[in-house]
Each structure stands twice: as structure tokens, then as C-alpha cells.
Amino acid sequence: MTSTVLDVTVMLLCVSASVVALGSVGSDSETAGYAASDAADRLATETATVTYEVSEGDHDSRTVHATLAELLATAVRGPPGTDGEIEDRFRSRVIERVTNALGGRTRVDVRYETDDESSGPHARDDDVHVRSGDGGGAWTLTVGNEPPVGTDVTAAVLTHPGSERIEGNGRGRFRIIVRAW
């Protein structure tokens, strides 16, 4: 009788230990959903369509279909052939689309970098640009909020080459920094 009670007790302890172990594995997989590498992979591979209103030409709107990273790169400088209000509409649609794709626990910083002064931020006069300290030009765009203080954060970096279609001379690059918590 004593050995049966002892066997049942040991079995219950083993079952309890396995439930605790499986429970901790489940919580790890939940936080893995917020890993920056996963978000960066989505930016590089997931495609999206962004439609924005224009007030010129024969159409009332334009549509761009590209990867999320390409949309972000285009949003930094604005779609080719646009300026001012149209750029702002496009940029806000891209930010909204990327936020929906990645969720609220992700911060994305996009920076266009070049050593070519002819394409530097002095050529533009809005809130999107910053001046880099090395004499070259740079523009930035952010999506999402800063991670809360004291939170574990993962980070990943993507580099997207500049292109003549996006930034004029194709000599720069877009650095996309992804942080997730």
C-alpha cells in the first residue's frame, strides 16, 4: 500500500513538473513573436499595397505595391514626382500600413545615408530630414514608439540600397533599425 501511494505521489510530481516546463516554453514562444529579427524579416519579405490621394493629373489616387522595406524607403523621400502634401499623405499611409503589420511593440527607424552633397537634406525643407555630422546628407523616418524603460529589447538592422527611382542618383542606402519588446 505504501509503495502505491509513493508511486502515485512521484507520478503527480512528474506531471506537475512537466506542466510547469511546458508552461514556460509557451511563454518563451509568446515573446518570440515580438523578436526584432522576425519583424525585420517581415519588412524585407512581406508585400503591401498603399493607395494615396493625389490632386493632379487624370487620377484621384495612386497605388504603390512593394515590400514593407521598399515602402519605408520610398516614404523617407516621398514617391517620385511628388512633393509637399502628397508626400505627407503617402508617408502617413505607409506608416499606418507598417504599424498594422508589425504591431504596437515594435519601433522602426529608417535613415537614408549618402556622402553625395547634391542629394543631401539641404535640398529639402520639411520635418523629415536631419543633417548627418560627416558632411553627407541624411533623412529619417520613424514608425512606432520608443520601447518602455526597463523592458528587454531585441534589435535587427536591414540595409536597403538606394535606387535612382527612389532617391535620384542611387548612391545612398537606407538603414532600417528594428527594435521589438
N, C-alpha and C. Protein backbone atom coordinates (compact mmCIF):
# COMPACT_ATOMS: atom_id res chain seq x y z
N MET A 1 0.81 -1.18 0.00
CA MET A 1 0.00 0.00 0.00
C MET A 1 0.86 1.25 0.00
N THR A 2 1.93 1.25 0.81
CA THR A 2 2.80 2.41 0.90
C THR A 2 3.50 2.65 -0.43
N SER A 3 3.90 1.60 -1.11
CA SER A 3 4.58 1.79 -2.39
C SER A 3 3.62 2.35 -3.44
N THR A 4 2.35 2.00 -3.38
CA THR A 4 1.38 2.53 -4.32
C THR A 4 1.19 4.03 -4.09
N VAL A 5 1.08 4.45 -2.86
CA VAL A 5 0.93 5.87 -2.53
C VAL A 5 2.18 6.62 -2.96
N LEU A 6 3.34 6.04 -2.72
CA LEU A 6 4.59 6.67 -3.12
C LEU A 6 4.68 6.77 -4.64
N ASP A 7 4.29 5.72 -5.35
CA ASP A 7 4.31 5.76 -6.82
C ASP A 7 3.37 6.84 -7.37
N VAL A 8 2.18 6.94 -6.80
CA VAL A 8 1.22 7.94 -7.26
C VAL A 8 1.75 9.34 -6.98
N THR A 9 2.37 9.54 -5.82
CA THR A 9 2.93 10.85 -5.46
C THR A 9 4.05 11.23 -6.41
N VAL A 10 4.92 10.32 -6.71
CA VAL A 10 6.02 10.59 -7.65
C VAL A 10 5.47 10.90 -9.04
N MET A 11 4.45 10.14 -9.45
CA MET A 11 3.85 10.39 -10.76
C MET A 11 3.22 11.79 -10.80
N LEU A 12 2.51 12.18 -9.77
CA LEU A 12 1.90 13.52 -9.73
C LEU A 12 2.96 14.61 -9.74
N LEU A 13 4.07 14.40 -9.04
CA LEU A 13 5.16 15.37 -9.07
C LEU A 13 5.75 15.49 -10.47
N CYS A 14 5.91 14.38 -11.15
CA CYS A 14 6.45 14.41 -12.52
C CYS A 14 5.49 15.11 -13.47
N VAL A 15 4.19 14.85 -13.34
CA VAL A 15 3.20 15.51 -14.20
C VAL A 15 3.20 17.01 -13.92
N SER A 16 3.26 17.40 -12.65
CA SER A 16 3.29 18.83 -12.30
C SER A 16 4.53 19.50 -12.87
N ALA A 17 5.67 18.83 -12.78
CA ALA A 17 6.92 19.40 -13.31
C ALA A 17 6.83 19.55 -14.83
N SER A 18 6.23 18.60 -15.50
CA SER A 18 6.13 18.71 -16.96
C SER A 18 5.17 19.82 -17.36
N VAL A 19 4.11 20.03 -16.58
CA VAL A 19 3.18 21.12 -16.88
C VAL A 19 3.88 22.47 -16.70
N VAL A 20 4.68 22.61 -15.64
CA VAL A 20 5.43 23.84 -15.42
C VAL A 20 6.44 24.05 -16.55
N ALA A 21 7.13 22.99 -16.95
CA ALA A 21 8.10 23.11 -18.04
C ALA A 21 7.42 23.50 -19.35
N LEU A 22 6.30 22.89 -19.67
CA LEU A 22 5.58 23.24 -20.88
C LEU A 22 5.03 24.66 -20.81
N GLY A 23 4.60 25.08 -19.64
CA GLY A 23 4.10 26.44 -19.47
C GLY A 23 5.18 27.47 -19.73
N SER A 24 6.41 27.21 -19.29
CA SER A 24 7.48 28.18 -19.54
C SER A 24 7.89 28.18 -21.01
N VAL A 25 7.80 27.04 -21.68
CA VAL A 25 8.08 27.01 -23.12
C VAL A 25 7.05 27.84 -23.86
N GLY A 26 5.78 27.75 -23.46
CA GLY A 26 4.74 28.54 -24.09
C GLY A 26 4.97 30.03 -23.92
N SER A 27 5.45 30.48 -22.76
CA SER A 27 5.67 31.91 -22.58
C SER A 27 6.86 32.38 -23.40
N ASP A 28 7.88 31.53 -23.59
CA ASP A 28 9.00 31.91 -24.44
C ASP A 28 8.55 32.09 -25.88
N SER A 29 7.67 31.21 -26.35
CA SER A 29 7.22 31.34 -27.73
C SER A 29 6.34 32.57 -27.91
N GLU A 30 5.67 33.01 -26.84
CA GLU A 30 4.88 34.24 -26.95
C GLU A 30 5.78 35.45 -27.15
N THR A 31 6.89 35.53 -26.40
CA THR A 31 7.78 36.67 -26.56
C THR A 31 8.57 36.58 -27.86
N ALA A 32 8.75 35.37 -28.39
CA ALA A 32 9.47 35.24 -29.66
C ALA A 32 8.70 35.92 -30.78
N GLY A 33 7.37 36.06 -30.64
CA GLY A 33 6.58 36.76 -31.64
C GLY A 33 6.94 38.22 -31.75
N TYR A 34 7.60 38.76 -30.75
CA TYR A 34 7.98 40.16 -30.75
C TYR A 34 9.48 40.35 -31.00
N ALA A 35 10.16 39.33 -31.48
CA ALA A 35 11.58 39.44 -31.75
C ALA A 35 11.82 40.35 -32.95
N ALA A 36 12.83 41.19 -32.84
CA ALA A 36 13.15 42.13 -33.91
C ALA A 36 13.53 41.42 -35.19
N SER A 37 14.17 40.26 -35.09
CA SER A 37 14.55 39.53 -36.31
C SER A 37 13.31 39.09 -37.09
N ASP A 38 12.25 38.71 -36.38
CA ASP A 38 11.00 38.35 -37.06
C ASP A 38 10.38 39.56 -37.73
N ALA A 39 10.38 40.70 -37.03
CA ALA A 39 9.83 41.93 -37.62
C ALA A 39 10.65 42.37 -38.82
N ALA A 40 11.97 42.27 -38.72
CA ALA A 40 12.84 42.64 -39.85
C ALA A 40 12.60 41.72 -41.04
N ASP A 41 12.41 40.45 -40.77
CA ASP A 41 12.11 39.50 -41.85
C ASP A 41 10.80 39.87 -42.54
N ARG A 42 9.80 40.25 -41.76
CA ARG A 42 8.53 40.68 -42.35
C ARG A 42 8.71 41.92 -43.21
N LEU A 43 9.52 42.88 -42.72
CA LEU A 43 9.75 44.09 -43.51
C LEU A 43 10.39 43.77 -44.85
N ALA A 44 11.32 42.83 -44.84
CA ALA A 44 12.06 42.50 -46.06
C ALA A 44 11.26 41.65 -47.04
N THR A 45 10.30 40.87 -46.55
CA THR A 45 9.64 39.90 -47.43
C THR A 45 8.15 40.15 -47.66
N GLU A 46 7.48 40.78 -46.72
CA GLU A 46 6.03 40.97 -46.86
C GLU A 46 5.73 42.14 -47.79
N THR A 47 4.84 41.90 -48.73
CA THR A 47 4.45 42.98 -49.64
C THR A 47 3.13 43.59 -49.19
N ALA A 48 2.94 44.83 -49.59
CA ALA A 48 1.72 45.55 -49.24
C ALA A 48 1.38 46.53 -50.35
N THR A 49 0.13 46.91 -50.39
CA THR A 49 -0.34 47.91 -51.34
C THR A 49 -0.76 49.15 -50.56
N VAL A 50 -0.26 50.30 -51.00
CA VAL A 50 -0.61 51.58 -50.38
C VAL A 50 -1.24 52.46 -51.45
N THR A 51 -2.42 52.95 -51.16
CA THR A 51 -3.11 53.87 -52.06
C THR A 51 -3.21 55.21 -51.36
N TYR A 52 -2.87 56.27 -52.08
CA TYR A 52 -2.91 57.61 -51.50
C TYR A 52 -3.50 58.58 -52.53
N GLU A 53 -4.14 59.61 -52.00
CA GLU A 53 -4.83 60.57 -52.85
C GLU A 53 -3.85 61.57 -53.46
N VAL A 54 -4.11 61.93 -54.70
CA VAL A 54 -3.35 62.97 -55.39
C VAL A 54 -4.35 63.96 -55.98
N SER A 55 -3.91 65.15 -56.18
CA SER A 55 -4.82 66.16 -56.72
C SER A 55 -4.35 66.68 -58.07
N GLU A 56 -3.57 65.85 -58.74
CA GLU A 56 -3.03 66.28 -60.03
C GLU A 56 -3.20 65.18 -61.05
N GLY A 57 -3.24 65.54 -62.30
CA GLY A 57 -3.32 64.55 -63.37
C GLY A 57 -4.73 64.03 -63.58
N ASP A 58 -4.81 62.88 -64.25
CA ASP A 58 -6.09 62.30 -64.62
C ASP A 58 -6.72 61.46 -63.52
N HIS A 59 -5.98 61.14 -62.46
CA HIS A 59 -6.47 60.22 -61.44
C HIS A 59 -6.58 60.92 -60.09
N ASP A 60 -7.48 60.39 -59.25
CA ASP A 60 -7.64 60.93 -57.91
C ASP A 60 -6.72 60.25 -56.90
N SER A 61 -6.16 59.11 -57.27
CA SER A 61 -5.29 58.38 -56.35
C SER A 61 -4.22 57.61 -57.12
N ARG A 62 -3.19 57.24 -56.38
CA ARG A 62 -2.12 56.39 -56.91
C ARG A 62 -1.97 55.20 -55.99
N THR A 63 -1.47 54.12 -56.55
CA THR A 63 -1.26 52.90 -55.78
C THR A 63 0.18 52.43 -55.97
N VAL A 64 0.80 52.06 -54.85
CA VAL A 64 2.16 51.51 -54.88
C VAL A 64 2.12 50.14 -54.21
N HIS A 65 2.68 49.14 -54.87
CA HIS A 65 2.77 47.79 -54.31
C HIS A 65 4.26 47.43 -54.22
N ALA A 66 4.71 47.13 -53.00
CA ALA A 66 6.13 46.82 -52.78
C ALA A 66 6.28 46.11 -51.44
N THR A 67 7.50 45.68 -51.14
CA THR A 67 7.74 45.14 -49.80
C THR A 67 7.61 46.28 -48.80
N LEU A 68 7.42 45.93 -47.52
CA LEU A 68 7.31 46.95 -46.49
C LEU A 68 8.59 47.77 -46.40
N ALA A 69 9.76 47.13 -46.58
CA ALA A 69 11.03 47.87 -46.55
C ALA A 69 11.11 48.86 -47.71
N GLU A 70 10.69 48.45 -48.89
CA GLU A 70 10.70 49.36 -50.05
C GLU A 70 9.73 50.52 -49.85
N LEU A 71 8.57 50.23 -49.27
CA LEU A 71 7.62 51.31 -48.98
C LEU A 71 8.21 52.31 -47.99
N LEU A 72 8.90 51.81 -46.95
CA LEU A 72 9.54 52.71 -45.99
C LEU A 72 10.61 53.55 -46.66
N ALA A 73 11.43 52.91 -47.51
CA ALA A 73 12.47 53.66 -48.22
C ALA A 73 11.87 54.74 -49.10
N THR A 74 10.79 54.43 -49.77
CA THR A 74 10.13 55.42 -50.62
C THR A 74 9.52 56.52 -49.77
N ALA A 75 8.97 56.18 -48.62
CA ALA A 75 8.32 57.17 -47.75
C ALA A 75 9.32 58.17 -47.16
N VAL A 76 10.58 57.78 -47.01
CA VAL A 76 11.58 58.70 -46.46
C VAL A 76 11.71 59.92 -47.34
N ARG A 77 11.77 59.74 -48.64
CA ARG A 77 11.96 60.85 -49.58
C ARG A 77 10.68 61.21 -50.32
N GLY A 78 9.65 60.40 -50.22
CA GLY A 78 8.41 60.65 -50.95
C GLY A 78 8.46 59.98 -52.30
N PRO A 79 7.30 59.61 -52.83
CA PRO A 79 7.27 58.95 -54.14
C PRO A 79 7.82 59.87 -55.22
N PRO A 80 8.44 59.33 -56.25
CA PRO A 80 8.99 60.16 -57.33
C PRO A 80 7.90 61.04 -57.95
N GLY A 81 8.26 62.27 -58.21
CA GLY A 81 7.35 63.18 -58.88
C GLY A 81 6.31 63.81 -57.98
N THR A 82 6.47 63.70 -56.67
CA THR A 82 5.51 64.31 -55.75
C THR A 82 6.22 65.27 -54.83
N ASP A 83 5.43 66.10 -54.17
CA ASP A 83 6.00 66.99 -53.18
C ASP A 83 4.95 67.39 -52.16
N GLY A 84 5.40 67.93 -51.05
CA GLY A 84 4.54 68.51 -50.04
C GLY A 84 3.42 67.63 -49.52
N GLU A 85 2.20 68.05 -49.76
CA GLU A 85 1.02 67.41 -49.21
C GLU A 85 0.86 65.98 -49.70
N ILE A 86 1.18 65.72 -50.95
CA ILE A 86 1.06 64.36 -51.50
C ILE A 86 2.07 63.44 -50.82
N GLU A 87 3.29 63.91 -50.61
CA GLU A 87 4.29 63.11 -49.88
C GLU A 87 3.81 62.78 -48.49
N ASP A 88 3.22 63.76 -47.80
CA ASP A 88 2.72 63.54 -46.45
C ASP A 88 1.61 62.49 -46.43
N ARG A 89 0.71 62.52 -47.40
CA ARG A 89 -0.36 61.52 -47.48
C ARG A 89 0.22 60.12 -47.68
N PHE A 90 1.17 60.02 -48.61
CA PHE A 90 1.81 58.73 -48.86
C PHE A 90 2.54 58.25 -47.61
N ARG A 91 3.31 59.11 -46.99
CA ARG A 91 4.09 58.76 -45.81
C ARG A 91 3.17 58.27 -44.69
N SER A 92 2.07 58.97 -44.45
CA SER A 92 1.16 58.56 -43.37
C SER A 92 0.51 57.21 -43.67
N ARG A 93 0.20 56.93 -44.94
CA ARG A 93 -0.36 55.62 -45.31
C ARG A 93 0.66 54.50 -45.10
N VAL A 94 1.92 54.77 -45.44
CA VAL A 94 2.97 53.76 -45.24
C VAL A 94 3.16 53.49 -43.76
N ILE A 95 3.24 54.54 -42.96
CA ILE A 95 3.42 54.37 -41.51
C ILE A 95 2.26 53.57 -40.93
N GLU A 96 1.05 53.87 -41.36
CA GLU A 96 -0.13 53.13 -40.89
C GLU A 96 -0.04 51.66 -41.29
N ARG A 97 0.36 51.39 -42.52
CA ARG A 97 0.44 50.01 -43.01
C ARG A 97 1.51 49.21 -42.27
N VAL A 98 2.69 49.82 -42.04
CA VAL A 98 3.77 49.13 -41.33
C VAL A 98 3.38 48.91 -39.87
N THR A 99 2.74 49.88 -39.24
CA THR A 99 2.29 49.73 -37.86
C THR A 99 1.30 48.58 -37.75
N ASN A 100 0.36 48.48 -38.67
CA ASN A 100 -0.60 47.38 -38.66
C ASN A 100 0.07 46.04 -38.88
N ALA A 101 1.09 46.00 -39.70
CA ALA A 101 1.77 44.73 -40.00
C ALA A 101 2.63 44.25 -38.83
N LEU A 102 3.27 45.18 -38.12
CA LEU A 102 4.21 44.79 -37.07
C LEU A 102 3.65 44.85 -35.67
N GLY A 103 2.59 45.58 -35.45
CA GLY A 103 2.01 45.68 -34.11
C GLY A 103 2.61 46.82 -33.31
N GLY A 104 2.08 46.99 -32.11
CA GLY A 104 2.44 48.13 -31.29
C GLY A 104 3.71 47.98 -30.48
N ARG A 105 4.31 46.80 -30.45
CA ARG A 105 5.51 46.60 -29.64
C ARG A 105 6.76 46.58 -30.51
N THR A 106 6.76 47.39 -31.55
CA THR A 106 7.89 47.46 -32.48
C THR A 106 8.17 48.90 -32.82
N ARG A 107 9.45 49.27 -32.88
CA ARG A 107 9.89 50.60 -33.30
C ARG A 107 10.79 50.41 -34.51
N VAL A 108 10.54 51.18 -35.57
CA VAL A 108 11.34 51.11 -36.78
C VAL A 108 11.89 52.50 -37.06
N ASP A 109 13.21 52.61 -37.22
CA ASP A 109 13.87 53.85 -37.60
C ASP A 109 14.51 53.64 -38.96
N VAL A 110 14.13 54.46 -39.92
CA VAL A 110 14.67 54.37 -41.27
C VAL A 110 15.52 55.60 -41.51
N ARG A 111 16.72 55.39 -42.00
CA ARG A 111 17.62 56.50 -42.25
C ARG A 111 18.23 56.34 -43.63
N TYR A 112 18.10 57.39 -44.44
CA TYR A 112 18.76 57.40 -45.74
C TYR A 112 20.12 58.06 -45.55
N GLU A 113 21.16 57.40 -46.01
CA GLU A 113 22.51 57.91 -45.84
C GLU A 113 23.20 58.02 -47.19
N THR A 114 23.92 59.13 -47.37
CA THR A 114 24.69 59.33 -48.59
C THR A 114 25.86 60.27 -48.29
N ASP A 115 26.91 60.14 -49.07
CA ASP A 115 28.03 61.08 -48.99
C ASP A 115 27.93 62.14 -50.07
N ASP A 116 26.91 62.04 -50.91
CA ASP A 116 26.73 62.95 -52.03
C ASP A 116 25.99 64.21 -51.58
N GLU A 117 26.66 65.34 -51.55
CA GLU A 117 26.07 66.60 -51.11
C GLU A 117 24.91 67.05 -52.00
N SER A 118 24.91 66.66 -53.28
CA SER A 118 23.85 67.12 -54.18
C SER A 118 22.50 66.49 -53.85
N SER A 119 22.50 65.41 -53.08
CA SER A 119 21.22 64.80 -52.70
C SER A 119 21.00 64.89 -51.21
N GLY A 120 21.71 65.75 -50.54
CA GLY A 120 21.60 65.90 -49.09
C GLY A 120 20.34 66.60 -48.66
N PRO A 121 20.12 66.69 -47.36
CA PRO A 121 18.87 67.24 -46.83
C PRO A 121 18.70 68.73 -47.09
N HIS A 122 19.77 69.43 -47.46
CA HIS A 122 19.60 70.84 -47.76
C HIS A 122 18.72 71.04 -48.98
N ALA A 123 18.52 69.97 -49.76
CA ALA A 123 17.68 70.06 -50.95
C ALA A 123 16.20 69.98 -50.59
N ARG A 124 15.90 69.81 -49.31
CA ARG A 124 14.53 69.60 -48.87
C ARG A 124 14.26 70.45 -47.64
N ASP A 125 13.05 70.94 -47.46
CA ASP A 125 12.74 71.81 -46.35
C ASP A 125 11.47 71.35 -45.64
N ASP A 126 11.57 70.22 -44.91
CA ASP A 126 10.43 69.74 -44.13
C ASP A 126 10.92 69.02 -42.88
N ASP A 127 10.02 68.42 -42.13
CA ASP A 127 10.35 67.81 -40.84
C ASP A 127 11.01 66.44 -40.96
N VAL A 128 11.15 65.90 -42.16
CA VAL A 128 11.60 64.53 -42.32
C VAL A 128 13.12 64.42 -42.34
N HIS A 129 13.84 65.49 -42.59
CA HIS A 129 15.28 65.36 -42.76
C HIS A 129 16.06 65.74 -41.49
N VAL A 130 17.27 65.20 -41.42
CA VAL A 130 18.26 65.61 -40.42
C VAL A 130 19.58 65.74 -41.14
N ARG A 131 20.48 66.45 -40.57
CA ARG A 131 21.81 66.61 -41.16
C ARG A 131 22.77 65.65 -40.46
N SER A 132 23.51 64.88 -41.21
CA SER A 132 24.48 64.00 -40.59
C SER A 132 25.74 64.78 -40.28
N GLY A 133 26.50 64.29 -39.32
CA GLY A 133 27.68 65.03 -38.87
C GLY A 133 28.88 64.93 -39.79
N ASP A 134 28.86 64.03 -40.76
CA ASP A 134 30.05 63.81 -41.59
C ASP A 134 30.03 64.62 -42.88
N GLY A 135 29.11 65.56 -43.01
CA GLY A 135 29.07 66.36 -44.23
C GLY A 135 28.18 65.80 -45.30
N GLY A 136 27.80 64.52 -45.18
CA GLY A 136 26.88 63.94 -46.13
C GLY A 136 25.45 64.24 -45.74
N GLY A 137 24.53 63.76 -46.53
CA GLY A 137 23.13 64.04 -46.25
C GLY A 137 22.43 62.84 -45.65
N ALA A 138 21.35 63.09 -44.94
CA ALA A 138 20.55 62.01 -44.38
C ALA A 138 19.13 62.47 -44.14
N TRP A 139 18.19 61.57 -44.34
CA TRP A 139 16.79 61.77 -43.96
C TRP A 139 16.41 60.64 -43.03
N THR A 140 15.45 60.89 -42.15
CA THR A 140 14.99 59.83 -41.25
C THR A 140 13.47 59.75 -41.24
N LEU A 141 12.98 58.58 -40.85
CA LEU A 141 11.55 58.33 -40.68
C LEU A 141 11.42 57.33 -39.56
N THR A 142 10.49 57.54 -38.65
CA THR A 142 10.27 56.60 -37.55
C THR A 142 8.84 56.09 -37.58
N VAL A 143 8.69 54.84 -37.17
CA VAL A 143 7.38 54.20 -37.04
C VAL A 143 7.33 53.58 -35.66
N GLY A 144 6.35 53.95 -34.86
CA GLY A 144 6.18 53.38 -33.54
C GLY A 144 6.83 54.21 -32.45
N ASN A 145 6.58 53.80 -31.22
CA ASN A 145 7.09 54.49 -30.04
C ASN A 145 8.38 53.87 -29.56
N GLU A 146 9.11 54.62 -28.74
CA GLU A 146 10.32 54.08 -28.10
C GLU A 146 9.91 52.95 -27.16
N PRO A 147 10.75 51.94 -27.00
CA PRO A 147 10.43 50.87 -26.04
C PRO A 147 10.38 51.44 -24.62
N PRO A 148 9.52 50.89 -23.77
CA PRO A 148 9.47 51.35 -22.38
C PRO A 148 10.80 51.11 -21.66
N VAL A 149 11.13 52.00 -20.75
CA VAL A 149 12.36 51.87 -19.97
C VAL A 149 12.29 50.60 -19.13
N GLY A 150 13.39 49.86 -19.07
CA GLY A 150 13.47 48.65 -18.27
C GLY A 150 12.92 47.41 -18.96
N THR A 151 12.52 47.51 -20.21
CA THR A 151 11.98 46.38 -20.96
C THR A 151 13.10 45.71 -21.76
N ASP A 152 13.06 44.39 -21.83
CA ASP A 152 14.00 43.67 -22.68
C ASP A 152 13.68 43.98 -24.14
N VAL A 153 14.69 44.37 -24.90
CA VAL A 153 14.50 44.78 -26.29
C VAL A 153 15.45 43.98 -27.17
N THR A 154 14.93 43.51 -28.32
CA THR A 154 15.79 42.89 -29.32
C THR A 154 15.90 43.87 -30.48
N ALA A 155 16.98 43.78 -31.24
CA ALA A 155 17.21 44.71 -32.35
C ALA A 155 17.73 43.96 -33.56
N ALA A 156 17.40 44.50 -34.73
CA ALA A 156 17.89 43.96 -36.00
C ALA A 156 18.06 45.13 -36.96
N VAL A 157 18.99 44.99 -37.91
CA VAL A 157 19.27 46.06 -38.87
C VAL A 157 19.16 45.50 -40.27
N LEU A 158 18.42 46.20 -41.13
CA LEU A 158 18.33 45.89 -42.55
C LEU A 158 19.00 47.02 -43.32
N THR A 159 19.62 46.71 -44.42
CA THR A 159 20.14 47.74 -45.30
C THR A 159 19.48 47.56 -46.66
N HIS A 160 18.92 48.64 -47.16
CA HIS A 160 18.24 48.63 -48.46
C HIS A 160 19.01 49.58 -49.37
N PRO A 161 19.45 49.12 -50.53
CA PRO A 161 20.23 50.01 -51.39
C PRO A 161 19.37 51.15 -51.93
N GLY A 162 19.99 52.30 -52.10
CA GLY A 162 19.30 53.40 -52.76
C GLY A 162 19.10 53.06 -54.22
N SER A 163 18.14 53.70 -54.83
CA SER A 163 17.92 53.48 -56.25
C SER A 163 17.61 54.81 -56.90
N GLU A 164 17.84 54.88 -58.18
CA GLU A 164 17.53 56.12 -58.90
C GLU A 164 16.05 56.41 -58.86
N ARG A 165 15.22 55.37 -58.83
CA ARG A 165 13.78 55.58 -58.78
C ARG A 165 13.36 56.24 -57.47
N ILE A 166 13.98 55.84 -56.36
CA ILE A 166 13.59 56.36 -55.06
C ILE A 166 14.31 57.66 -54.73
N GLU A 167 15.62 57.70 -54.91
CA GLU A 167 16.34 58.85 -54.39
C GLU A 167 17.21 59.60 -55.39
N GLY A 168 16.99 59.42 -56.64
CA GLY A 168 17.61 60.29 -57.63
C GLY A 168 18.89 59.78 -58.25
N ASN A 169 19.93 59.55 -57.44
CA ASN A 169 21.21 59.18 -58.05
C ASN A 169 21.65 57.76 -57.72
N GLY A 170 20.98 57.08 -56.81
CA GLY A 170 21.30 55.70 -56.48
C GLY A 170 22.59 55.51 -55.73
N ARG A 171 23.16 56.58 -55.15
CA ARG A 171 24.45 56.47 -54.46
C ARG A 171 24.31 56.22 -52.96
N GLY A 172 23.14 56.35 -52.41
CA GLY A 172 22.95 56.19 -50.97
C GLY A 172 22.40 54.82 -50.62
N ARG A 173 22.04 54.69 -49.34
CA ARG A 173 21.43 53.46 -48.87
C ARG A 173 20.47 53.80 -47.73
N PHE A 174 19.55 52.90 -47.49
CA PHE A 174 18.59 53.05 -46.41
C PHE A 174 18.94 52.05 -45.32
N ARG A 175 19.15 52.53 -44.13
CA ARG A 175 19.43 51.67 -42.98
C ARG A 175 18.14 51.62 -42.16
N ILE A 176 17.61 50.42 -41.95
CA ILE A 176 16.35 50.22 -41.25
C ILE A 176 16.67 49.49 -39.94
N ILE A 177 16.47 50.17 -38.82
CA ILE A 177 16.74 49.61 -37.50
C ILE A 177 15.41 49.23 -36.86
N VAL A 178 15.27 47.96 -36.50
CA VAL A 178 14.04 47.45 -35.93
C VAL A 178 14.30 47.07 -34.47
N ARG A 179 13.48 47.58 -33.58
CA ARG A 179 13.54 47.19 -32.17
C ARG A 179 12.19 46.66 -31.74
N ALA A 180 12.18 45.54 -31.02
CA ALA A 180 10.93 44.92 -30.57
C ALA A 180 11.07 44.54 -29.09
N TRP A 181 9.95 44.56 -28.42
CA TRP A 181 9.93 44.20 -27.00
C TRP A 181 8.69 43.40 -26.67
